[in-house]
Amino acid sequence: DFYYLSRGRGTTWNRYSRIMTTMFLLVLCVSLQIFLLIQIKHFVCAKAVHDIRFAYDAFQQAMYGGHTTDVFTVPFVERRGIGGPTGPYWNASRFDELTADEQASACRI
């Protein structure tokens, strides 16, 4: 259509209306994709991130025997072990003390 418009061939009204319809459909499709991505982020990813943070917090509490420090307090408390895995409070044998669900959640992270 742009080629024929530049050459002055055919009815210009039909060509402009087809171009505008195509541009409208393009903007509509892109807008719909952006909207769907935002909704997926809001409803799907937010719950998964919340569950992972909750499971990791429980894992840290158990593996360090309560010797943790608060990293974040908003929106809820996230704790990390003092000294890291080479520190004095890390005890790998405490993993067996976690429930089966907590172990599975920690392994899925």
N, C-alpha and C. Protein backbone atom coordinates (compact mmCIF):
# COMPACT_ATOMS: atom_id res chain seq x y z
N ASP A 1 0.81 -1.20 0.00
CA ASP A 1 0.00 0.00 0.00
C ASP A 1 0.86 1.27 0.00
N PHE A 2 1.96 1.25 0.76
CA PHE A 2 2.82 2.44 0.75
C PHE A 2 3.42 2.68 -0.64
N TYR A 3 3.75 1.61 -1.30
CA TYR A 3 4.32 1.74 -2.65
C TYR A 3 3.31 2.39 -3.59
N TYR A 4 2.09 1.87 -3.56
CA TYR A 4 1.08 2.42 -4.46
C TYR A 4 0.68 3.85 -4.08
N LEU A 5 0.72 4.17 -2.81
CA LEU A 5 0.44 5.55 -2.39
C LEU A 5 1.52 6.49 -2.91
N SER A 6 2.78 6.05 -2.87
CA SER A 6 3.86 6.91 -3.36
C SER A 6 3.79 7.11 -4.86
N ARG A 7 3.23 6.13 -5.58
CA ARG A 7 3.08 6.24 -7.04
C ARG A 7 1.77 6.91 -7.45
N GLY A 8 0.88 7.10 -6.47
CA GLY A 8 -0.39 7.75 -6.76
C GLY A 8 -1.37 6.85 -7.49
N ARG A 9 -1.26 5.57 -7.31
CA ARG A 9 -2.12 4.62 -8.00
C ARG A 9 -3.22 4.13 -7.05
N GLY A 10 -4.38 3.94 -7.57
CA GLY A 10 -5.49 3.42 -6.79
C GLY A 10 -6.14 4.50 -5.94
N THR A 11 -7.18 4.10 -5.22
CA THR A 11 -7.87 5.06 -4.36
C THR A 11 -7.10 5.21 -3.06
N THR A 12 -6.80 6.44 -2.71
CA THR A 12 -6.00 6.67 -1.51
C THR A 12 -6.78 6.36 -0.24
N TRP A 13 -8.08 6.58 -0.25
CA TRP A 13 -8.88 6.32 0.95
C TRP A 13 -8.80 4.84 1.36
N ASN A 14 -8.92 3.93 0.42
CA ASN A 14 -8.84 2.50 0.73
C ASN A 14 -7.47 2.11 1.26
N ARG A 15 -6.45 2.67 0.66
CA ARG A 15 -5.09 2.33 1.08
C ARG A 15 -4.81 2.87 2.49
N TYR A 16 -5.20 4.10 2.76
CA TYR A 16 -4.99 4.66 4.10
C TYR A 16 -5.81 3.90 5.14
N SER A 17 -7.01 3.51 4.82
CA SER A 17 -7.82 2.78 5.79
C SER A 17 -7.22 1.41 6.09
N ARG A 18 -6.64 0.73 5.09
CA ARG A 18 -5.99 -0.56 5.35
C ARG A 18 -4.74 -0.38 6.21
N ILE A 19 -3.98 0.67 5.94
CA ILE A 19 -2.78 0.93 6.74
C ILE A 19 -3.17 1.23 8.19
N MET A 20 -4.18 2.05 8.38
CA MET A 20 -4.60 2.40 9.75
C MET A 20 -5.18 1.19 10.48
N THR A 21 -5.92 0.35 9.76
CA THR A 21 -6.46 -0.87 10.38
C THR A 21 -5.33 -1.80 10.80
N THR A 22 -4.32 -1.94 9.96
CA THR A 22 -3.17 -2.79 10.29
C THR A 22 -2.43 -2.24 11.50
N MET A 23 -2.21 -0.95 11.55
CA MET A 23 -1.51 -0.34 12.69
C MET A 23 -2.33 -0.50 13.97
N PHE A 24 -3.63 -0.32 13.88
CA PHE A 24 -4.50 -0.50 15.04
C PHE A 24 -4.42 -1.92 15.57
N LEU A 25 -4.48 -2.90 14.68
CA LEU A 25 -4.40 -4.30 15.11
C LEU A 25 -3.04 -4.63 15.71
N LEU A 26 -1.99 -4.04 15.17
CA LEU A 26 -0.65 -4.24 15.72
C LEU A 26 -0.56 -3.69 17.14
N VAL A 27 -1.03 -2.48 17.35
CA VAL A 27 -1.01 -1.87 18.68
C VAL A 27 -1.89 -2.66 19.65
N LEU A 28 -3.03 -3.13 19.18
CA LEU A 28 -3.92 -3.92 20.02
C LEU A 28 -3.26 -5.23 20.46
N CYS A 29 -2.61 -5.92 19.53
CA CYS A 29 -1.94 -7.19 19.88
C CYS A 29 -0.80 -6.98 20.87
N VAL A 30 0.02 -5.96 20.64
CA VAL A 30 1.13 -5.68 21.55
C VAL A 30 0.61 -5.28 22.93
N SER A 31 -0.44 -4.49 22.97
CA SER A 31 -1.02 -4.08 24.25
C SER A 31 -1.59 -5.28 25.01
N LEU A 32 -2.23 -6.17 24.30
CA LEU A 32 -2.78 -7.38 24.92
C LEU A 32 -1.66 -8.26 25.48
N GLN A 33 -0.58 -8.39 24.77
CA GLN A 33 0.55 -9.18 25.25
C GLN A 33 1.16 -8.56 26.51
N ILE A 34 1.32 -7.26 26.53
CA ILE A 34 1.87 -6.58 27.71
C ILE A 34 0.93 -6.76 28.90
N PHE A 35 -0.36 -6.60 28.67
CA PHE A 35 -1.34 -6.79 29.74
C PHE A 35 -1.27 -8.21 30.30
N LEU A 36 -1.20 -9.21 29.44
CA LEU A 36 -1.13 -10.60 29.91
C LEU A 36 0.15 -10.87 30.68
N LEU A 37 1.27 -10.33 30.24
CA LEU A 37 2.53 -10.50 30.98
C LEU A 37 2.45 -9.89 32.38
N ILE A 38 1.86 -8.73 32.48
CA ILE A 38 1.71 -8.09 33.79
C ILE A 38 0.82 -8.91 34.70
N GLN A 39 -0.27 -9.46 34.15
CA GLN A 39 -1.17 -10.27 34.96
C GLN A 39 -0.51 -11.57 35.41
N ILE A 40 0.29 -12.19 34.55
CA ILE A 40 1.01 -13.40 34.93
C ILE A 40 2.00 -13.09 36.04
N LYS A 41 2.71 -11.99 35.91
CA LYS A 41 3.65 -11.59 36.95
C LYS A 41 2.93 -11.37 38.28
N HIS A 42 1.78 -10.74 38.21
CA HIS A 42 1.05 -10.40 39.43
C HIS A 42 0.46 -11.64 40.11
N PHE A 43 -0.18 -12.51 39.35
CA PHE A 43 -0.92 -13.61 39.95
C PHE A 43 -0.12 -14.90 40.08
N VAL A 44 0.84 -15.15 39.22
CA VAL A 44 1.57 -16.42 39.25
C VAL A 44 2.91 -16.28 39.95
N CYS A 45 3.72 -15.36 39.49
CA CYS A 45 5.08 -15.23 40.01
C CYS A 45 5.11 -14.74 41.45
N ALA A 46 4.21 -13.87 41.82
CA ALA A 46 4.22 -13.31 43.18
C ALA A 46 4.01 -14.40 44.22
N LYS A 47 3.12 -15.35 43.98
CA LYS A 47 2.90 -16.43 44.92
C LYS A 47 4.11 -17.34 45.00
N ALA A 48 4.72 -17.65 43.85
CA ALA A 48 5.89 -18.51 43.84
C ALA A 48 7.05 -17.87 44.62
N VAL A 49 7.28 -16.59 44.42
CA VAL A 49 8.35 -15.89 45.14
C VAL A 49 8.06 -15.88 46.64
N HIS A 50 6.81 -15.66 47.02
CA HIS A 50 6.45 -15.67 48.43
C HIS A 50 6.72 -17.05 49.05
N ASP A 51 6.32 -18.11 48.37
CA ASP A 51 6.54 -19.46 48.88
C ASP A 51 8.02 -19.79 49.00
N ILE A 52 8.81 -19.36 48.03
CA ILE A 52 10.25 -19.61 48.08
C ILE A 52 10.89 -18.86 49.25
N ARG A 53 10.51 -17.61 49.46
CA ARG A 53 11.08 -16.85 50.58
C ARG A 53 10.71 -17.47 51.92
N PHE A 54 9.47 -17.92 52.04
CA PHE A 54 9.02 -18.54 53.28
C PHE A 54 9.78 -19.83 53.54
N ALA A 55 9.96 -20.66 52.50
CA ALA A 55 10.68 -21.93 52.65
C ALA A 55 12.15 -21.69 52.99
N TYR A 56 12.78 -20.71 52.34
CA TYR A 56 14.19 -20.44 52.60
C TYR A 56 14.40 -19.88 54.00
N ASP A 57 13.47 -19.10 54.48
CA ASP A 57 13.56 -18.58 55.84
C ASP A 57 13.51 -19.73 56.84
N ALA A 58 12.60 -20.66 56.65
CA ALA A 58 12.50 -21.82 57.55
C ALA A 58 13.77 -22.66 57.47
N PHE A 59 14.32 -22.81 56.28
CA PHE A 59 15.57 -23.56 56.09
C PHE A 59 16.72 -22.89 56.85
N GLN A 60 16.84 -21.57 56.73
CA GLN A 60 17.91 -20.85 57.42
C GLN A 60 17.77 -20.98 58.93
N GLN A 61 16.56 -20.83 59.43
CA GLN A 61 16.33 -20.95 60.87
C GLN A 61 16.76 -22.33 61.37
N ALA A 62 16.41 -23.37 60.63
CA ALA A 62 16.72 -24.72 61.06
C ALA A 62 18.21 -25.02 60.97
N MET A 63 18.83 -24.65 59.88
CA MET A 63 20.23 -25.02 59.65
C MET A 63 21.20 -24.27 60.56
N TYR A 64 20.82 -23.11 61.01
CA TYR A 64 21.68 -22.33 61.89
C TYR A 64 21.21 -22.38 63.34
N GLY A 65 20.25 -23.20 63.63
CA GLY A 65 19.79 -23.36 65.01
C GLY A 65 19.28 -22.08 65.63
N GLY A 66 18.67 -21.23 64.84
CA GLY A 66 18.13 -19.97 65.36
C GLY A 66 19.13 -18.85 65.41
N HIS A 67 20.38 -19.10 65.06
CA HIS A 67 21.41 -18.05 65.05
C HIS A 67 21.38 -17.35 63.70
N THR A 68 20.40 -16.48 63.55
CA THR A 68 20.23 -15.77 62.29
C THR A 68 20.09 -14.28 62.55
N THR A 69 20.25 -13.53 61.47
CA THR A 69 20.07 -12.09 61.54
C THR A 69 18.99 -11.68 60.55
N ASP A 70 18.23 -10.66 60.88
CA ASP A 70 17.17 -10.18 60.00
C ASP A 70 17.77 -9.39 58.85
N VAL A 71 17.47 -9.82 57.63
CA VAL A 71 17.93 -9.11 56.45
C VAL A 71 16.88 -8.10 56.01
N PHE A 72 15.65 -8.57 55.91
CA PHE A 72 14.53 -7.71 55.56
C PHE A 72 13.43 -7.94 56.58
N THR A 73 12.68 -6.89 56.86
CA THR A 73 11.53 -7.03 57.75
C THR A 73 10.23 -6.68 57.07
N VAL A 74 10.30 -6.19 55.84
CA VAL A 74 9.09 -5.82 55.10
C VAL A 74 9.11 -6.56 53.78
N PRO A 75 8.12 -7.24 53.33
CA PRO A 75 6.78 -7.38 53.88
C PRO A 75 6.71 -8.40 55.01
N PHE A 76 7.69 -9.28 55.14
CA PHE A 76 7.78 -10.14 56.31
C PHE A 76 9.25 -10.40 56.57
N VAL A 77 9.55 -11.00 57.69
CA VAL A 77 10.93 -11.16 58.13
C VAL A 77 11.64 -12.21 57.27
N GLU A 78 12.81 -11.85 56.76
CA GLU A 78 13.68 -12.78 56.06
C GLU A 78 14.98 -12.84 56.84
N ARG A 79 15.35 -14.04 57.24
CA ARG A 79 16.56 -14.21 58.05
C ARG A 79 17.62 -14.97 57.29
N ARG A 80 18.88 -14.67 57.61
CA ARG A 80 20.03 -15.38 57.05
C ARG A 80 20.94 -15.79 58.20
N GLY A 81 21.58 -16.92 58.03
CA GLY A 81 22.45 -17.46 59.07
C GLY A 81 23.68 -16.60 59.30
N ILE A 82 24.09 -16.54 60.55
CA ILE A 82 25.26 -15.74 60.93
C ILE A 82 26.52 -16.54 60.58
N GLY A 83 27.41 -15.94 59.82
CA GLY A 83 28.67 -16.57 59.48
C GLY A 83 28.65 -17.38 58.19
N GLY A 84 27.49 -17.59 57.62
CA GLY A 84 27.41 -18.37 56.38
C GLY A 84 27.68 -19.85 56.62
N PRO A 85 27.78 -20.64 55.56
CA PRO A 85 27.97 -22.08 55.71
C PRO A 85 29.32 -22.48 56.30
N THR A 86 30.28 -21.57 56.33
CA THR A 86 31.56 -21.88 56.96
C THR A 86 31.64 -21.33 58.37
N GLY A 87 30.56 -20.71 58.82
CA GLY A 87 30.53 -20.09 60.15
C GLY A 87 30.34 -21.11 61.27
N PRO A 88 30.37 -20.64 62.49
CA PRO A 88 30.31 -21.54 63.65
C PRO A 88 28.93 -22.14 63.90
N TYR A 89 27.87 -21.59 63.34
CA TYR A 89 26.53 -22.06 63.67
C TYR A 89 25.94 -23.00 62.63
N TRP A 90 26.56 -23.14 61.48
CA TRP A 90 26.04 -24.01 60.42
C TRP A 90 26.17 -25.47 60.85
N ASN A 91 25.08 -26.21 60.71
CA ASN A 91 25.10 -27.62 61.05
C ASN A 91 24.26 -28.36 60.01
N ALA A 92 24.94 -29.05 59.09
CA ALA A 92 24.27 -29.73 57.99
C ALA A 92 23.39 -30.88 58.48
N SER A 93 23.69 -31.44 59.64
CA SER A 93 22.89 -32.57 60.13
C SER A 93 21.49 -32.13 60.58
N ARG A 94 21.28 -30.84 60.74
CA ARG A 94 19.95 -30.34 61.11
C ARG A 94 18.94 -30.45 59.97
N PHE A 95 19.42 -30.71 58.78
CA PHE A 95 18.50 -30.87 57.65
C PHE A 95 17.54 -32.02 57.89
N ASP A 96 18.00 -33.06 58.56
CA ASP A 96 17.13 -34.21 58.85
C ASP A 96 16.04 -33.86 59.85
N GLU A 97 16.20 -32.80 60.60
CA GLU A 97 15.19 -32.39 61.58
C GLU A 97 14.01 -31.65 60.93
N LEU A 98 14.19 -31.21 59.70
CA LEU A 98 13.10 -30.55 58.98
C LEU A 98 12.03 -31.58 58.62
N THR A 99 10.79 -31.11 58.51
CA THR A 99 9.73 -32.01 58.07
C THR A 99 9.95 -32.35 56.59
N ALA A 100 9.25 -33.36 56.13
CA ALA A 100 9.39 -33.79 54.74
C ALA A 100 8.99 -32.67 53.77
N ASP A 101 7.96 -31.93 54.12
CA ASP A 101 7.53 -30.82 53.27
C ASP A 101 8.57 -29.70 53.24
N GLU A 102 9.15 -29.40 54.39
CA GLU A 102 10.18 -28.35 54.44
C GLU A 102 11.43 -28.78 53.66
N GLN A 103 11.79 -30.06 53.75
CA GLN A 103 12.93 -30.56 52.99
C GLN A 103 12.66 -30.47 51.49
N ALA A 104 11.47 -30.87 51.09
CA ALA A 104 11.13 -30.81 49.66
C ALA A 104 11.12 -29.37 49.17
N SER A 105 10.58 -28.46 49.97
CA SER A 105 10.54 -27.04 49.58
C SER A 105 11.94 -26.46 49.47
N ALA A 106 12.82 -26.83 50.40
CA ALA A 106 14.19 -26.32 50.36
C ALA A 106 14.95 -26.88 49.15
N CYS A 107 14.69 -28.12 48.81
CA CYS A 107 15.38 -28.72 47.66
C CYS A 107 14.86 -28.17 46.33
N ARG A 108 13.64 -27.72 46.28
CA ARG A 108 13.09 -27.16 45.04
C ARG A 108 13.58 -25.75 44.76
N ILE A 109 14.16 -25.10 45.74
CA ILE A 109 14.63 -23.72 45.55
C ILE A 109 15.75 -23.69 44.59
